[in-house]
Amino acid sequence: MRTSTKIVCCAAQDIGFGGIANIDSTYTATHVDTRTSNFWKGDEVVTSAYSVTGGFYKYYGLSKSDVYPTVTAKKSKNITLTIDDVTYSGTVTEK
């Protein structure tokens, strides 16, 4: 499974990379660098100039939940079980 560069660009922005760009029209290649000044964000398919001015979330129309989908937690239950006058208790978690 490939992750779209749209997702990678948003995550790289959140992490704080100084230079970020989508570099191909199939959204399968991203460039990131660690520059500390002259921050640069762009979509090199559109232009090599500063094409992403409002951030990648706005540019691609994504939200945090698109980039970081929630993971469904496994259900668990606290139980108490008595067998032959012996009581057992603990937590059971679904597989």
PDB file of N, CA and C in Angstrom:
ATOM      1  N   MET A   1       0.838  -1.177   0.000  1.00  0.00           N
ATOM      2  CA  MET A   1       0.000   0.000   0.000  1.00  0.00           C
ATOM      3  C   MET A   1       0.883   1.241   0.000  1.00  0.00           C
ATOM      4  N   ARG A   2       0.588   2.164  -0.835  1.00  0.00           N
ATOM      5  CA  ARG A   2       1.324   3.426  -0.899  1.00  0.00           C
ATOM      6  C   ARG A   2       0.553   4.495  -0.157  1.00  0.00           C
ATOM      7  N   THR A   3       1.295   5.359   0.492  1.00  0.00           N
ATOM      8  CA  THR A   3       0.694   6.509   1.152  1.00  0.00           C
ATOM      9  C   THR A   3       0.852   7.708   0.234  1.00  0.00           C
ATOM     10  N   SER A   4      -0.221   8.416  -0.011  1.00  0.00           N
ATOM     11  CA  SER A   4      -0.190   9.583  -0.880  1.00  0.00           C
ATOM     12  C   SER A   4       0.759  10.640  -0.323  1.00  0.00           C
ATOM     13  N   THR A   5       1.459  11.322  -1.216  1.00  0.00           N
ATOM     14  CA  THR A   5       2.332  12.408  -0.781  1.00  0.00           C
ATOM     15  C   THR A   5       1.533  13.542  -0.146  1.00  0.00           C
ATOM     16  N   LYS A   6       0.244  13.604  -0.417  1.00  0.00           N
ATOM     17  CA  LYS A   6      -0.588  14.613   0.251  1.00  0.00           C
ATOM     18  C   LYS A   6      -0.550  14.383   1.764  1.00  0.00           C
ATOM     19  N   ILE A   7      -0.651  13.128   2.178  1.00  0.00           N
ATOM     20  CA  ILE A   7      -0.588  12.765   3.602  1.00  0.00           C
ATOM     21  C   ILE A   7       0.815  13.010   4.147  1.00  0.00           C
ATOM     22  N   VAL A   8       1.833  12.589   3.379  1.00  0.00           N
ATOM     23  CA  VAL A   8       3.221  12.748   3.813  1.00  0.00           C
ATOM     24  C   VAL A   8       3.574  14.227   3.977  1.00  0.00           C
ATOM     25  N   CYS A   9       3.150  15.062   3.041  1.00  0.00           N
ATOM     26  CA  CYS A   9       3.439  16.503   3.128  1.00  0.00           C
ATOM     27  C   CYS A   9       2.804  17.126   4.371  1.00  0.00           C
ATOM     28  N   CYS A  10       1.567  16.759   4.680  1.00  0.00           N
ATOM     29  CA  CYS A  10       0.909  17.281   5.883  1.00  0.00           C
ATOM     30  C   CYS A  10       1.647  16.827   7.140  1.00  0.00           C
ATOM     31  N   ALA A  11       2.008  15.551   7.209  1.00  0.00           N
ATOM     32  CA  ALA A  11       2.719  15.029   8.379  1.00  0.00           C
ATOM     33  C   ALA A  11       4.092  15.681   8.509  1.00  0.00           C
ATOM     34  N   ALA A  12       4.797  15.871   7.401  1.00  0.00           N
ATOM     35  CA  ALA A  12       6.112  16.525   7.433  1.00  0.00           C
ATOM     36  C   ALA A  12       5.988  17.960   7.929  1.00  0.00           C
ATOM     37  N   GLN A  13       4.919  18.622   7.539  1.00  0.00           N
ATOM     38  CA  GLN A  13       4.654  19.984   8.023  1.00  0.00           C
ATOM     39  C   GLN A  13       4.449  19.967   9.532  1.00  0.00           C
ATOM     40  N   ASP A  14       3.676  19.001  10.037  1.00  0.00           N
ATOM     41  CA  ASP A  14       3.430  18.889  11.482  1.00  0.00           C
ATOM     42  C   ASP A  14       4.721  18.627  12.249  1.00  0.00           C
ATOM     43  N   ILE A  15       5.603  17.815  11.681  1.00  0.00           N
ATOM     44  CA  ILE A  15       6.868  17.492  12.337  1.00  0.00           C
ATOM     45  C   ILE A  15       7.794  18.701  12.361  1.00  0.00           C
ATOM     46  N   GLY A  16       7.703  19.555  11.342  1.00  0.00           N
ATOM     47  CA  GLY A  16       8.513  20.761  11.316  1.00  0.00           C
ATOM     48  C   GLY A  16       9.621  20.785  10.283  1.00  0.00           C
ATOM     49  N   PHE A  17       9.518  19.950   9.243  1.00  0.00           N
ATOM     50  CA  PHE A  17      10.522  20.012   8.185  1.00  0.00           C
ATOM     51  C   PHE A  17      10.500  21.388   7.537  1.00  0.00           C
ATOM     52  N   GLY A  18      11.655  21.893   7.157  1.00  0.00           N
ATOM     53  CA  GLY A  18      11.772  23.244   6.617  1.00  0.00           C
ATOM     54  C   GLY A  18      11.479  23.348   5.138  1.00  0.00           C
ATOM     55  N   GLY A  19      11.696  22.294   4.399  1.00  0.00           N
ATOM     56  CA  GLY A  19      11.397  22.289   2.981  1.00  0.00           C
ATOM     57  C   GLY A  19      10.596  21.045   2.664  1.00  0.00           C
ATOM     58  N   ILE A  20       9.439  21.235   2.042  1.00  0.00           N
ATOM     59  CA  ILE A  20       8.548  20.100   1.760  1.00  0.00           C
ATOM     60  C   ILE A  20       7.970  20.299   0.365  1.00  0.00           C
ATOM     61  N   ALA A  21       7.943  19.227  -0.417  1.00  0.00           N
ATOM     62  CA  ALA A  21       7.342  19.345  -1.742  1.00  0.00           C
ATOM     63  C   ALA A  21       6.822  18.009  -2.242  1.00  0.00           C
ATOM     64  N   ASN A  22       5.671  18.055  -2.897  1.00  0.00           N
ATOM     65  CA  ASN A  22       5.214  16.945  -3.721  1.00  0.00           C
ATOM     66  C   ASN A  22       6.005  17.085  -5.018  1.00  0.00           C
ATOM     67  N   ILE A  23       6.595  15.996  -5.514  1.00  0.00           N
ATOM     68  CA  ILE A  23       7.439  16.150  -6.697  1.00  0.00           C
ATOM     69  C   ILE A  23       6.991  15.357  -7.919  1.00  0.00           C
ATOM     70  N   ASP A  24       5.824  14.718  -7.867  1.00  0.00           N
ATOM     71  CA  ASP A  24       5.326  14.113  -9.105  1.00  0.00           C
ATOM     72  C   ASP A  24       3.805  14.055  -9.138  1.00  0.00           C
ATOM     73  N   SER A  25       3.271  13.960 -10.349  1.00  0.00           N
ATOM     74  CA  SER A  25       1.817  14.057 -10.542  1.00  0.00           C
ATOM     75  C   SER A  25       1.046  12.839 -10.061  1.00  0.00           C
ATOM     76  N   THR A  26       1.724  11.749  -9.738  1.00  0.00           N
ATOM     77  CA  THR A  26       1.030  10.573  -9.219  1.00  0.00           C
ATOM     78  C   THR A  26       0.956  10.587  -7.688  1.00  0.00           C
ATOM     79  N   TYR A  27       1.468  11.629  -7.075  1.00  0.00           N
ATOM     80  CA  TYR A  27       1.471  11.787  -5.613  1.00  0.00           C
ATOM     81  C   TYR A  27       2.130  10.599  -4.915  1.00  0.00           C
ATOM     82  N   THR A  28       3.277  10.160  -5.462  1.00  0.00           N
ATOM     83  CA  THR A  28       4.009   9.049  -4.870  1.00  0.00           C
ATOM     84  C   THR A  28       5.444   9.416  -4.503  1.00  0.00           C
ATOM     85  N   ALA A  29       5.821  10.693  -4.625  1.00  0.00           N
ATOM     86  CA  ALA A  29       7.184  11.109  -4.277  1.00  0.00           C
ATOM     87  C   ALA A  29       7.142  12.461  -3.562  1.00  0.00           C
ATOM     88  N   THR A  30       7.802  12.508  -2.418  1.00  0.00           N
ATOM     89  CA  THR A  30       7.859  13.725  -1.609  1.00  0.00           C
ATOM     90  C   THR A  30       9.314  14.068  -1.333  1.00  0.00           C
ATOM     91  N   HIS A  31       9.619  15.359  -1.347  1.00  0.00           N
ATOM     92  CA  HIS A  31      10.948  15.832  -0.953  1.00  0.00           C
ATOM     93  C   HIS A  31      10.795  16.562   0.383  1.00  0.00           C
ATOM     94  N   VAL A  32      11.654  16.235   1.342  1.00  0.00           N
ATOM     95  CA  VAL A  32      11.693  16.982   2.603  1.00  0.00           C
ATOM     96  C   VAL A  32      13.144  17.315   2.925  1.00  0.00           C
ATOM     97  N   ASP A  33      13.365  18.469   3.540  1.00  0.00           N
ATOM     98  CA  ASP A  33      14.701  18.775   4.022  1.00  0.00           C
ATOM     99  C   ASP A  33      14.621  19.499   5.353  1.00  0.00           C
ATOM    100  N   THR A  34      15.752  19.623   6.001  1.00  0.00           N
ATOM    101  CA  THR A  34      15.790  20.117   7.383  1.00  0.00           C
ATOM    102  C   THR A  34      16.266  21.558   7.503  1.00  0.00           C
ATOM    103  N   ARG A  35      16.098  22.343   6.458  1.00  0.00           N
ATOM    104  CA  ARG A  35      16.539  23.740   6.529  1.00  0.00           C
ATOM    105  C   ARG A  35      15.906  24.442   7.727  1.00  0.00           C
ATOM    106  N   THR A  36      16.605  25.397   8.280  1.00  0.00           N
ATOM    107  CA  THR A  36      16.105  26.114   9.454  1.00  0.00           C
ATOM    108  C   THR A  36      15.717  27.554   9.136  1.00  0.00           C
ATOM    109  N   SER A  37      15.948  27.987   7.918  1.00  0.00           N
ATOM    110  CA  SER A  37      15.495  29.316   7.508  1.00  0.00           C
ATOM    111  C   SER A  37      14.992  29.226   6.078  1.00  0.00           C
ATOM    112  N   ASN A  38      14.328  30.263   5.628  1.00  0.00           N
ATOM    113  CA  ASN A  38      13.796  30.293   4.273  1.00  0.00           C
ATOM    114  C   ASN A  38      12.916  29.070   4.009  1.00  0.00           C
ATOM    115  N   PHE A  39      11.938  28.858   4.880  1.00  0.00           N
ATOM    116  CA  PHE A  39      11.051  27.696   4.765  1.00  0.00           C
ATOM    117  C   PHE A  39      10.371  27.665   3.402  1.00  0.00           C
ATOM    118  N   TRP A  40      10.204  26.466   2.880  1.00  0.00           N
ATOM    119  CA  TRP A  40       9.666  26.305   1.537  1.00  0.00           C
ATOM    120  C   TRP A  40       8.658  25.176   1.516  1.00  0.00           C
ATOM    121  N   LYS A  41       7.487  25.437   0.953  1.00  0.00           N
ATOM    122  CA  LYS A  41       6.463  24.411   0.767  1.00  0.00           C
ATOM    123  C   LYS A  41       5.929  24.544  -0.650  1.00  0.00           C
ATOM    124  N   GLY A  42       5.882  23.415  -1.366  1.00  0.00           N
ATOM    125  CA  GLY A  42       5.409  23.533  -2.731  1.00  0.00           C
ATOM    126  C   GLY A  42       4.905  22.252  -3.343  1.00  0.00           C
ATOM    127  N   ASP A  43       4.257  22.436  -4.481  1.00  0.00           N
ATOM    128  CA  ASP A  43       3.812  21.335  -5.319  1.00  0.00           C
ATOM    129  C   ASP A  43       4.548  21.514  -6.638  1.00  0.00           C
ATOM    130  N   GLU A  44       5.640  20.778  -6.826  1.00  0.00           N
ATOM    131  CA  GLU A  44       6.504  20.967  -7.982  1.00  0.00           C
ATOM    132  C   GLU A  44       5.856  20.538  -9.288  1.00  0.00           C
ATOM    133  N   VAL A  45       4.724  19.858  -9.216  1.00  0.00           N
ATOM    134  CA  VAL A  45       3.980  19.532 -10.432  1.00  0.00           C
ATOM    135  C   VAL A  45       3.352  20.814 -10.982  1.00  0.00           C
ATOM    136  N   VAL A  46       2.946  21.708 -10.090  1.00  0.00           N
ATOM    137  CA  VAL A  46       2.316  22.964 -10.480  1.00  0.00           C
ATOM    138  C   VAL A  46       3.373  23.990 -10.872  1.00  0.00           C
ATOM    139  N   THR A  47       4.367  24.171 -10.012  1.00  0.00           N
ATOM    140  CA  THR A  47       5.437  25.138 -10.247  1.00  0.00           C
ATOM    141  C   THR A  47       6.569  24.868  -9.270  1.00  0.00           C
ATOM    142  N   SER A  48       7.760  25.326  -9.597  1.00  0.00           N
ATOM    143  CA  SER A  48       8.875  25.176  -8.660  1.00  0.00           C
ATOM    144  C   SER A  48       8.932  26.341  -7.673  1.00  0.00           C
ATOM    145  N   ALA A  49       8.044  27.323  -7.839  1.00  0.00           N
ATOM    146  CA  ALA A  49       7.978  28.458  -6.910  1.00  0.00           C
ATOM    147  C   ALA A  49       7.194  28.049  -5.655  1.00  0.00           C
ATOM    148  N   TYR A  50       7.050  28.966  -4.733  1.00  0.00           N
ATOM    149  CA  TYR A  50       6.338  28.711  -3.473  1.00  0.00           C
ATOM    150  C   TYR A  50       4.836  28.573  -3.743  1.00  0.00           C
ATOM    151  N   SER A  51       4.383  27.402  -4.134  1.00  0.00           N
ATOM    152  CA  SER A  51       2.985  27.229  -4.530  1.00  0.00           C
ATOM    153  C   SER A  51       2.052  26.913  -3.365  1.00  0.00           C
ATOM    154  N   VAL A  52       2.584  26.480  -2.224  1.00  0.00           N
ATOM    155  CA  VAL A  52       1.746  26.149  -1.068  1.00  0.00           C
ATOM    156  C   VAL A  52       1.984  27.218  -0.014  1.00  0.00           C
ATOM    157  N   THR A  53       1.085  28.194   0.036  1.00  0.00           N
ATOM    158  CA  THR A  53       1.297  29.327   0.944  1.00  0.00           C
ATOM    159  C   THR A  53       0.496  29.228   2.230  1.00  0.00           C
ATOM    160  N   GLY A  54      -0.605  28.494   2.234  1.00  0.00           N
ATOM    161  CA  GLY A  54      -1.442  28.399   3.423  1.00  0.00           C
ATOM    162  C   GLY A  54      -1.276  27.092   4.177  1.00  0.00           C
ATOM    163  N   GLY A  55      -0.253  26.311   3.843  1.00  0.00           N
ATOM    164  CA  GLY A  55      -0.047  25.014   4.474  1.00  0.00           C
ATOM    165  C   GLY A  55      -0.674  23.906   3.648  1.00  0.00           C
ATOM    166  N   PHE A  56      -0.163  22.696   3.833  1.00  0.00           N
ATOM    167  CA  PHE A  56      -0.605  21.563   3.025  1.00  0.00           C
ATOM    168  C   PHE A  56      -2.023  21.114   3.353  1.00  0.00           C
ATOM    169  N   TYR A  57      -2.458  21.234   4.600  1.00  0.00           N
ATOM    170  CA  TYR A  57      -3.840  20.843   4.930  1.00  0.00           C
ATOM    171  C   TYR A  57      -4.823  21.651   4.091  1.00  0.00           C
ATOM    172  N   LYS A  58      -4.619  22.953   4.075  1.00  0.00           N
ATOM    173  CA  LYS A  58      -5.504  23.826   3.309  1.00  0.00           C
ATOM    174  C   LYS A  58      -5.348  23.570   1.806  1.00  0.00           C
ATOM    175  N   TYR A  59      -4.122  23.430   1.356  1.00  0.00           N
ATOM    176  CA  TYR A  59      -3.843  23.241  -0.069  1.00  0.00           C
ATOM    177  C   TYR A  59      -4.512  21.983  -0.609  1.00  0.00           C
ATOM    178  N   TYR A  60      -4.417  20.887   0.136  1.00  0.00           N
ATOM    179  CA  TYR A  60      -4.996  19.618  -0.319  1.00  0.00           C
ATOM    180  C   TYR A  60      -6.417  19.383   0.203  1.00  0.00           C
ATOM    181  N   GLY A  61      -6.925  20.271   1.047  1.00  0.00           N
ATOM    182  CA  GLY A  61      -8.279  20.107   1.570  1.00  0.00           C
ATOM    183  C   GLY A  61      -8.410  18.941   2.532  1.00  0.00           C
ATOM    184  N   LEU A  62      -7.364  18.708   3.334  1.00  0.00           N
ATOM    185  CA  LEU A  62      -7.364  17.598   4.282  1.00  0.00           C
ATOM    186  C   LEU A  62      -7.532  18.097   5.709  1.00  0.00           C
ATOM    187  N   SER A  63      -7.939  17.191   6.586  1.00  0.00           N
ATOM    188  CA  SER A  63      -8.040  17.489   8.013  1.00  0.00           C
ATOM    189  C   SER A  63      -7.062  16.592   8.762  1.00  0.00           C
ATOM    190  N   LYS A  64      -6.871  16.869  10.040  1.00  0.00           N
ATOM    191  CA  LYS A  64      -5.997  16.029  10.866  1.00  0.00           C
ATOM    192  C   LYS A  64      -6.478  14.582  10.870  1.00  0.00           C
ATOM    193  N   SER A  65      -7.784  14.371  10.873  1.00  0.00           N
ATOM    194  CA  SER A  65      -8.300  12.997  10.893  1.00  0.00           C
ATOM    195  C   SER A  65      -8.037  12.267   9.571  1.00  0.00           C
ATOM    196  N   ASP A  66      -7.856  13.011   8.474  1.00  0.00           N
ATOM    197  CA  ASP A  66      -7.470  12.381   7.209  1.00  0.00           C
ATOM    198  C   ASP A  66      -6.024  11.890   7.267  1.00  0.00           C
ATOM    199  N   VAL A  67      -5.185  12.658   7.940  1.00  0.00           N
ATOM    200  CA  VAL A  67      -3.756  12.342   8.013  1.00  0.00           C
ATOM    201  C   VAL A  67      -3.473  11.332   9.114  1.00  0.00           C
ATOM    202  N   TYR A  68      -4.176  11.450  10.225  1.00  0.00           N
ATOM    203  CA  TYR A  68      -3.972  10.575  11.375  1.00  0.00           C
ATOM    204  C   TYR A  68      -5.278   9.873  11.739  1.00  0.00           C
ATOM    205  N   PRO A  69      -5.677   8.862  10.955  1.00  0.00           N
ATOM    206  CA  PRO A  69      -6.939   8.169  11.269  1.00  0.00           C
ATOM    207  C   PRO A  69      -6.849   7.478  12.627  1.00  0.00           C
ATOM    208  N   THR A  70      -7.952   7.464  13.320  1.00  0.00           N
ATOM    209  CA  THR A  70      -7.960   6.848  14.645  1.00  0.00           C
ATOM    210  C   THR A  70      -7.918   5.333  14.514  1.00  0.00           C
ATOM    211  N   VAL A  71      -7.274   4.727  15.453  1.00  0.00           N
ATOM    212  CA  VAL A  71      -7.197   3.275  15.517  1.00  0.00           C
ATOM    213  C   VAL A  71      -8.247   2.809  16.506  1.00  0.00           C
ATOM    214  N   THR A  72      -9.069   1.892  16.096  1.00  0.00           N
ATOM    215  CA  THR A  72     -10.115   1.388  16.979  1.00  0.00           C
ATOM    216  C   THR A  72      -9.490   0.468  18.020  1.00  0.00           C
ATOM    217  N   ALA A  73      -9.721   0.813  19.265  1.00  0.00           N
ATOM    218  CA  ALA A  73      -9.166   0.005  20.352  1.00  0.00           C
ATOM    219  C   ALA A  73      -9.938  -1.299  20.477  1.00  0.00           C
ATOM    220  N   LYS A  74      -9.250  -2.327  20.905  1.00  0.00           N
ATOM    221  CA  LYS A  74      -9.905  -3.604  21.144  1.00  0.00           C
ATOM    222  C   LYS A  74     -10.795  -3.471  22.368  1.00  0.00           C
ATOM    223  N   LYS A  75     -11.925  -4.129  22.327  1.00  0.00           N
ATOM    224  CA  LYS A  75     -12.853  -4.098  23.447  1.00  0.00           C
ATOM    225  C   LYS A  75     -12.336  -5.000  24.559  1.00  0.00           C
ATOM    226  N   SER A  76     -12.497  -4.532  25.784  1.00  0.00           N
ATOM    227  CA  SER A  76     -12.110  -5.371  26.926  1.00  0.00           C
ATOM    228  C   SER A  76     -13.166  -5.242  28.015  1.00  0.00           C
ATOM    229  N   LYS A  77     -13.252  -6.258  28.833  1.00  0.00           N
ATOM    230  CA  LYS A  77     -14.230  -6.308  29.921  1.00  0.00           C
ATOM    231  C   LYS A  77     -13.549  -6.818  31.174  1.00  0.00           C
ATOM    232  N   ASN A  78     -13.889  -6.210  32.298  1.00  0.00           N
ATOM    233  CA  ASN A  78     -13.469  -6.754  33.590  1.00  0.00           C
ATOM    234  C   ASN A  78     -14.481  -7.820  33.975  1.00  0.00           C
ATOM    235  N   ILE A  79     -13.981  -8.955  34.416  1.00  0.00           N
ATOM    236  CA  ILE A  79     -14.892 -10.054  34.755  1.00  0.00           C
ATOM    237  C   ILE A  79     -14.547 -10.635  36.117  1.00  0.00           C
ATOM    238  N   THR A  80     -15.548 -11.227  36.699  1.00  0.00           N
ATOM    239  CA  THR A  80     -15.381 -12.028  37.917  1.00  0.00           C
ATOM    240  C   THR A  80     -16.107 -13.342  37.672  1.00  0.00           C
ATOM    241  N   LEU A  81     -15.424 -14.440  37.953  1.00  0.00           N
ATOM    242  CA  LEU A  81     -15.964 -15.763  37.670  1.00  0.00           C
ATOM    243  C   LEU A  81     -15.723 -16.646  38.887  1.00  0.00           C
ATOM    244  N   THR A  82     -16.770 -17.299  39.353  1.00  0.00           N
ATOM    245  CA  THR A  82     -16.637 -18.212  40.495  1.00  0.00           C
ATOM    246  C   THR A  82     -16.901 -19.637  40.033  1.00  0.00           C
ATOM    247  N   ILE A  83     -15.914 -20.506  40.290  1.00  0.00           N
ATOM    248  CA  ILE A  83     -16.027 -21.924  39.930  1.00  0.00           C
ATOM    249  C   ILE A  83     -15.642 -22.740  41.158  1.00  0.00           C
ATOM    250  N   ASP A  84     -16.548 -23.630  41.579  1.00  0.00           N
ATOM    251  CA  ASP A  84     -16.292 -24.486  42.757  1.00  0.00           C
ATOM    252  C   ASP A  84     -15.855 -23.653  43.964  1.00  0.00           C
ATOM    253  N   ASP A  85     -16.574 -22.575  44.216  1.00  0.00           N
ATOM    254  CA  ASP A  85     -16.322 -21.676  45.351  1.00  0.00           C
ATOM    255  C   ASP A  85     -14.977 -20.952  45.290  1.00  0.00           C
ATOM    256  N   VAL A  86     -14.325 -20.929  44.135  1.00  0.00           N
ATOM    257  CA  VAL A  86     -13.086 -20.147  43.949  1.00  0.00           C
ATOM    258  C   VAL A  86     -13.424 -19.021  42.983  1.00  0.00           C
ATOM    259  N   THR A  87     -13.105 -17.768  43.371  1.00  0.00           N
ATOM    260  CA  THR A  87     -13.425 -16.606  42.550  1.00  0.00           C
ATOM    261  C   THR A  87     -12.175 -16.135  41.800  1.00  0.00           C
ATOM    262  N   TYR A  88     -12.371 -15.933  40.535  1.00  0.00           N
ATOM    263  CA  TYR A  88     -11.309 -15.446  39.648  1.00  0.00           C
ATOM    264  C   TYR A  88     -11.769 -14.089  39.101  1.00  0.00           C
ATOM    265  N   SER A  89     -10.843 -13.149  38.958  1.00  0.00           N
ATOM    266  CA  SER A  89     -11.203 -11.862  38.346  1.00  0.00           C
ATOM    267  C   SER A  89     -10.055 -11.382  37.476  1.00  0.00           C
ATOM    268  N   GLY A  90     -10.403 -10.591  36.522  1.00  0.00           N
ATOM    269  CA  GLY A  90      -9.392 -10.059  35.604  1.00  0.00           C
ATOM    270  C   GLY A  90     -10.044  -9.356  34.430  1.00  0.00           C
ATOM    271  N   THR A  91      -9.245  -9.118  33.420  1.00  0.00           N
ATOM    272  CA  THR A  91      -9.721  -8.432  32.226  1.00  0.00           C
ATOM    273  C   THR A  91      -9.595  -9.349  31.030  1.00  0.00           C
ATOM    274  N   VAL A  92     -10.637  -9.409  30.250  1.00  0.00           N
ATOM    275  CA  VAL A  92     -10.650 -10.187  29.019  1.00  0.00           C
ATOM    276  C   VAL A  92     -10.671  -9.194  27.870  1.00  0.00           C
ATOM    277  N   THR A  93      -9.775  -9.406  26.888  1.00  0.00           N
ATOM    278  CA  THR A  93      -9.677  -8.502  25.741  1.00  0.00           C
ATOM    279  C   THR A  93      -9.921  -9.277  24.462  1.00  0.00           C
ATOM    280  N   GLU A  94     -10.729  -8.699  23.558  1.00  0.00           N
ATOM    281  CA  GLU A  94     -11.016  -9.390  22.298  1.00  0.00           C
ATOM    282  C   GLU A  94      -9.761  -9.491  21.440  1.00  0.00           C
ATOM    283  N   LYS A  95      -9.706 -10.543  20.645  1.00  0.00           N
ATOM    284  CA  LYS A  95      -8.560 -10.743  19.753  1.00  0.00           C
ATOM    285  C   LYS A  95      -8.683  -9.879  18.538  1.00  0.00           C
TER     286      LYS A  95
END
